[in-house]
Amino acid sequence: MIIISDFLADLIGDLFGGLVEAIFPTSKSKLEKNIDELKKEEWFSNLYQDVRYSYIIWHNKRVKHYLRKTENIKVLKSSADEREKFIQLVIKEHKRFVGIR
């Protein structure tokens, strides 16, 4: 039941986000810019190259919310501890997505 409600919440969030971007178009969304910035970092590039995790980066509500904030990108670039927490978040959300406990 929780998985269905999380899926619906993610779906509604994605639809609303897409609608907002369609009404107020920009050349690149904040999420796209921040992901492009992080792809320059070796640790993120390695994570992103794994299709399981790149999907979570682009489609998971919690991960996208985190990556939209510019201050979080600065922290990820400067703190190994925060990078490890972020990587664990992505892995945890992937496991949740595929139903692994």
N, C-alpha and C. Protein backbone atom coordinates (compact mmCIF):
# COMPACT_ATOMS: atom_id res chain seq x y z
N MET A 1 0.82 -1.19 0.00
CA MET A 1 0.00 0.00 0.00
C MET A 1 0.86 1.26 0.00
N ILE A 2 1.94 1.23 0.79
CA ILE A 2 2.83 2.39 0.87
C ILE A 2 3.53 2.61 -0.47
N ILE A 3 3.92 1.53 -1.12
CA ILE A 3 4.61 1.65 -2.40
C ILE A 3 3.69 2.29 -3.43
N ILE A 4 2.43 1.93 -3.44
CA ILE A 4 1.47 2.51 -4.38
C ILE A 4 1.29 4.00 -4.10
N SER A 5 1.16 4.37 -2.83
CA SER A 5 0.98 5.79 -2.50
C SER A 5 2.24 6.59 -2.85
N ASP A 6 3.43 6.02 -2.62
CA ASP A 6 4.67 6.70 -3.00
C ASP A 6 4.75 6.88 -4.51
N PHE A 7 4.36 5.83 -5.24
CA PHE A 7 4.36 5.90 -6.70
C PHE A 7 3.41 7.00 -7.17
N LEU A 8 2.21 7.04 -6.59
CA LEU A 8 1.24 8.06 -6.99
C LEU A 8 1.73 9.46 -6.65
N ALA A 9 2.36 9.61 -5.48
CA ALA A 9 2.90 10.91 -5.09
C ALA A 9 4.00 11.34 -6.06
N ASP A 10 4.88 10.40 -6.44
CA ASP A 10 5.94 10.71 -7.40
C ASP A 10 5.34 11.09 -8.76
N LEU A 11 4.34 10.34 -9.18
CA LEU A 11 3.70 10.60 -10.47
C LEU A 11 3.04 11.98 -10.49
N ILE A 12 2.30 12.31 -9.45
CA ILE A 12 1.64 13.62 -9.37
C ILE A 12 2.68 14.73 -9.32
N GLY A 13 3.75 14.51 -8.54
CA GLY A 13 4.82 15.50 -8.47
C GLY A 13 5.48 15.73 -9.81
N ASP A 14 5.75 14.64 -10.54
CA ASP A 14 6.36 14.75 -11.87
C ASP A 14 5.44 15.47 -12.84
N LEU A 15 4.15 15.14 -12.79
CA LEU A 15 3.19 15.79 -13.68
C LEU A 15 3.10 17.29 -13.37
N PHE A 16 3.02 17.62 -12.09
CA PHE A 16 2.94 19.03 -11.70
C PHE A 16 4.22 19.77 -12.10
N GLY A 17 5.37 19.14 -11.84
CA GLY A 17 6.65 19.76 -12.21
C GLY A 17 6.75 19.98 -13.71
N GLY A 18 6.30 19.00 -14.49
CA GLY A 18 6.32 19.13 -15.94
C GLY A 18 5.39 20.22 -16.42
N LEU A 19 4.24 20.33 -15.77
CA LEU A 19 3.27 21.37 -16.11
C LEU A 19 3.85 22.76 -15.84
N VAL A 20 4.49 22.92 -14.70
CA VAL A 20 5.10 24.21 -14.35
C VAL A 20 6.18 24.57 -15.37
N GLU A 21 7.02 23.59 -15.72
CA GLU A 21 8.08 23.86 -16.69
C GLU A 21 7.52 24.14 -18.08
N ALA A 22 6.37 23.56 -18.41
CA ALA A 22 5.74 23.83 -19.71
C ALA A 22 5.16 25.24 -19.75
N ILE A 23 4.62 25.70 -18.63
CA ILE A 23 4.03 27.04 -18.57
C ILE A 23 5.12 28.10 -18.50
N PHE A 24 6.17 27.83 -17.73
CA PHE A 24 7.27 28.78 -17.55
C PHE A 24 8.56 28.15 -18.06
N PRO A 25 8.71 28.05 -19.38
CA PRO A 25 9.88 27.34 -19.92
C PRO A 25 11.18 28.09 -19.66
N THR A 26 12.22 27.33 -19.42
CA THR A 26 13.56 27.88 -19.31
C THR A 26 14.44 27.06 -20.24
N SER A 27 15.62 27.58 -20.52
CA SER A 27 16.50 26.83 -21.41
C SER A 27 16.87 25.49 -20.77
N LYS A 28 17.13 25.49 -19.50
CA LYS A 28 17.41 24.27 -18.75
C LYS A 28 16.82 24.43 -17.36
N SER A 29 16.26 23.35 -16.85
CA SER A 29 15.71 23.40 -15.50
C SER A 29 16.86 23.46 -14.50
N LYS A 30 16.55 23.86 -13.29
CA LYS A 30 17.54 23.92 -12.22
C LYS A 30 18.11 22.52 -11.98
N LEU A 31 17.24 21.52 -12.05
CA LEU A 31 17.69 20.14 -11.86
C LEU A 31 18.71 19.76 -12.93
N GLU A 32 18.40 20.06 -14.20
CA GLU A 32 19.33 19.74 -15.29
C GLU A 32 20.68 20.44 -15.10
N LYS A 33 20.64 21.72 -14.75
CA LYS A 33 21.88 22.47 -14.55
C LYS A 33 22.71 21.87 -13.42
N ASN A 34 22.04 21.51 -12.32
CA ASN A 34 22.77 20.98 -11.18
C ASN A 34 23.33 19.59 -11.48
N ILE A 35 22.58 18.77 -12.20
CA ILE A 35 23.10 17.45 -12.58
C ILE A 35 24.28 17.61 -13.54
N ASP A 36 24.18 18.52 -14.49
CA ASP A 36 25.30 18.78 -15.41
C ASP A 36 26.54 19.22 -14.63
N GLU A 37 26.34 20.03 -13.60
CA GLU A 37 27.45 20.49 -12.77
C GLU A 37 28.09 19.31 -12.03
N LEU A 38 27.26 18.44 -11.48
CA LEU A 38 27.78 17.30 -10.72
C LEU A 38 28.42 16.25 -11.62
N LYS A 39 28.00 16.16 -12.86
CA LYS A 39 28.60 15.17 -13.77
C LYS A 39 30.08 15.44 -13.99
N LYS A 40 30.54 16.63 -13.68
CA LYS A 40 31.97 16.96 -13.79
C LYS A 40 32.77 16.31 -12.67
N GLU A 41 32.08 15.89 -11.61
CA GLU A 41 32.72 15.24 -10.46
C GLU A 41 32.81 13.73 -10.75
N GLU A 42 33.98 13.15 -10.54
CA GLU A 42 34.18 11.73 -10.86
C GLU A 42 33.22 10.82 -10.10
N TRP A 43 33.04 11.07 -8.81
CA TRP A 43 32.18 10.20 -7.99
C TRP A 43 30.74 10.20 -8.51
N PHE A 44 30.25 11.39 -8.92
CA PHE A 44 28.87 11.49 -9.41
C PHE A 44 28.77 10.87 -10.80
N SER A 45 29.77 11.10 -11.61
CA SER A 45 29.78 10.55 -12.96
C SER A 45 29.72 9.02 -12.91
N ASN A 46 30.47 8.42 -11.99
CA ASN A 46 30.44 6.96 -11.83
C ASN A 46 29.06 6.49 -11.39
N LEU A 47 28.44 7.20 -10.46
CA LEU A 47 27.10 6.86 -10.00
C LEU A 47 26.10 7.02 -11.13
N TYR A 48 26.21 8.10 -11.86
CA TYR A 48 25.27 8.43 -12.93
C TYR A 48 25.34 7.45 -14.10
N GLN A 49 26.51 6.91 -14.36
CA GLN A 49 26.68 5.98 -15.47
C GLN A 49 25.95 4.66 -15.25
N ASP A 50 25.62 4.35 -14.01
CA ASP A 50 24.86 3.14 -13.71
C ASP A 50 23.38 3.45 -13.98
N VAL A 51 22.79 2.77 -14.94
CA VAL A 51 21.43 3.07 -15.38
C VAL A 51 20.42 2.99 -14.24
N ARG A 52 20.65 2.11 -13.28
CA ARG A 52 19.73 2.00 -12.14
C ARG A 52 19.69 3.31 -11.37
N TYR A 53 20.86 3.89 -11.17
CA TYR A 53 20.94 5.10 -10.36
C TYR A 53 20.64 6.36 -11.16
N SER A 54 20.97 6.38 -12.43
CA SER A 54 20.61 7.56 -13.23
C SER A 54 19.10 7.68 -13.32
N TYR A 55 18.41 6.55 -13.38
CA TYR A 55 16.94 6.60 -13.39
C TYR A 55 16.43 7.21 -12.09
N ILE A 56 16.98 6.79 -10.96
CA ILE A 56 16.56 7.33 -9.66
C ILE A 56 16.89 8.82 -9.58
N ILE A 57 18.04 9.21 -10.07
CA ILE A 57 18.44 10.63 -10.04
C ILE A 57 17.42 11.48 -10.78
N TRP A 58 16.93 11.02 -11.92
CA TRP A 58 15.99 11.81 -12.72
C TRP A 58 14.54 11.66 -12.31
N HIS A 59 14.17 10.56 -11.65
CA HIS A 59 12.75 10.29 -11.44
C HIS A 59 12.29 10.16 -9.99
N ASN A 60 13.20 10.10 -9.04
CA ASN A 60 12.81 9.95 -7.65
C ASN A 60 12.56 11.31 -7.01
N LYS A 61 11.42 11.44 -6.37
CA LYS A 61 11.01 12.72 -5.78
C LYS A 61 12.02 13.23 -4.75
N ARG A 62 12.47 12.37 -3.86
CA ARG A 62 13.39 12.81 -2.80
C ARG A 62 14.73 13.25 -3.37
N VAL A 63 15.26 12.47 -4.31
CA VAL A 63 16.56 12.78 -4.90
C VAL A 63 16.47 14.06 -5.73
N LYS A 64 15.42 14.19 -6.53
CA LYS A 64 15.27 15.40 -7.35
C LYS A 64 15.12 16.64 -6.48
N HIS A 65 14.35 16.51 -5.40
CA HIS A 65 14.17 17.65 -4.49
C HIS A 65 15.51 18.09 -3.92
N TYR A 66 16.34 17.14 -3.55
CA TYR A 66 17.66 17.44 -3.00
C TYR A 66 18.54 18.11 -4.05
N LEU A 67 18.52 17.58 -5.27
CA LEU A 67 19.41 18.08 -6.32
C LEU A 67 18.98 19.42 -6.89
N ARG A 68 17.76 19.82 -6.69
CA ARG A 68 17.33 21.13 -7.20
C ARG A 68 17.92 22.30 -6.41
N LYS A 69 18.39 22.04 -5.19
CA LYS A 69 18.91 23.12 -4.35
C LYS A 69 20.40 23.33 -4.60
N THR A 70 20.73 24.53 -5.04
CA THR A 70 22.11 24.87 -5.38
C THR A 70 23.03 24.72 -4.17
N GLU A 71 22.54 25.04 -2.98
CA GLU A 71 23.39 24.91 -1.79
C GLU A 71 23.76 23.45 -1.52
N ASN A 72 22.87 22.52 -1.87
CA ASN A 72 23.20 21.10 -1.71
C ASN A 72 24.29 20.67 -2.68
N ILE A 73 24.29 21.24 -3.87
CA ILE A 73 25.32 20.91 -4.86
C ILE A 73 26.68 21.37 -4.36
N LYS A 74 26.74 22.55 -3.77
CA LYS A 74 28.00 23.07 -3.21
C LYS A 74 28.51 22.16 -2.10
N VAL A 75 27.60 21.70 -1.24
CA VAL A 75 27.99 20.82 -0.13
C VAL A 75 28.49 19.48 -0.68
N LEU A 76 27.79 18.93 -1.67
CA LEU A 76 28.21 17.66 -2.26
C LEU A 76 29.61 17.76 -2.87
N LYS A 77 29.91 18.89 -3.46
CA LYS A 77 31.21 19.07 -4.10
C LYS A 77 32.34 19.24 -3.09
N SER A 78 32.00 19.67 -1.87
CA SER A 78 33.05 19.97 -0.90
C SER A 78 33.17 18.98 0.26
N SER A 79 32.18 18.12 0.46
CA SER A 79 32.19 17.26 1.64
C SER A 79 32.06 15.78 1.26
N ALA A 80 33.09 15.02 1.59
CA ALA A 80 33.07 13.57 1.31
C ALA A 80 31.96 12.89 2.12
N ASP A 81 31.71 13.35 3.34
CA ASP A 81 30.64 12.76 4.17
C ASP A 81 29.28 12.97 3.52
N GLU A 82 29.03 14.17 3.01
CA GLU A 82 27.75 14.45 2.36
C GLU A 82 27.60 13.67 1.06
N ARG A 83 28.71 13.50 0.34
CA ARG A 83 28.66 12.69 -0.88
C ARG A 83 28.25 11.27 -0.54
N GLU A 84 28.84 10.71 0.51
CA GLU A 84 28.52 9.34 0.91
C GLU A 84 27.05 9.24 1.33
N LYS A 85 26.55 10.23 2.05
CA LYS A 85 25.12 10.23 2.44
C LYS A 85 24.23 10.29 1.21
N PHE A 86 24.62 11.10 0.23
CA PHE A 86 23.82 11.21 -1.00
C PHE A 86 23.84 9.89 -1.77
N ILE A 87 25.00 9.28 -1.89
CA ILE A 87 25.10 8.00 -2.59
C ILE A 87 24.22 6.96 -1.90
N GLN A 88 24.25 6.94 -0.58
CA GLN A 88 23.42 5.99 0.17
C GLN A 88 21.94 6.30 -0.03
N LEU A 89 21.57 7.57 -0.14
CA LEU A 89 20.19 7.95 -0.41
C LEU A 89 19.75 7.39 -1.77
N VAL A 90 20.59 7.55 -2.78
CA VAL A 90 20.26 7.06 -4.12
C VAL A 90 20.11 5.54 -4.10
N ILE A 91 21.02 4.85 -3.45
CA ILE A 91 20.96 3.39 -3.36
C ILE A 91 19.71 2.96 -2.61
N LYS A 92 19.42 3.62 -1.49
CA LYS A 92 18.22 3.29 -0.70
C LYS A 92 16.95 3.50 -1.52
N GLU A 93 16.87 4.60 -2.25
CA GLU A 93 15.69 4.89 -3.06
C GLU A 93 15.56 3.90 -4.21
N HIS A 94 16.69 3.44 -4.76
CA HIS A 94 16.64 2.42 -5.81
C HIS A 94 16.08 1.13 -5.24
N LYS A 95 16.58 0.73 -4.07
CA LYS A 95 16.09 -0.50 -3.44
C LYS A 95 14.60 -0.40 -3.13
N ARG A 96 14.16 0.76 -2.67
CA ARG A 96 12.75 0.98 -2.39
C ARG A 96 11.94 0.89 -3.68
N PHE A 97 12.47 1.44 -4.76
CA PHE A 97 11.80 1.45 -6.05
C PHE A 97 11.59 0.03 -6.58
N VAL A 98 12.61 -0.81 -6.44
CA VAL A 98 12.50 -2.17 -6.97
C VAL A 98 11.94 -3.16 -5.94
N GLY A 99 11.67 -2.67 -4.74
CA GLY A 99 11.03 -3.52 -3.73
C GLY A 99 11.98 -4.39 -2.94
N ILE A 100 13.27 -4.03 -2.90
CA ILE A 100 14.24 -4.77 -2.11
C ILE A 100 14.28 -4.14 -0.71
N ARG A 101 14.24 -4.98 0.30
CA ARG A 101 14.28 -4.45 1.69
C ARG A 101 15.59 -4.73 2.34
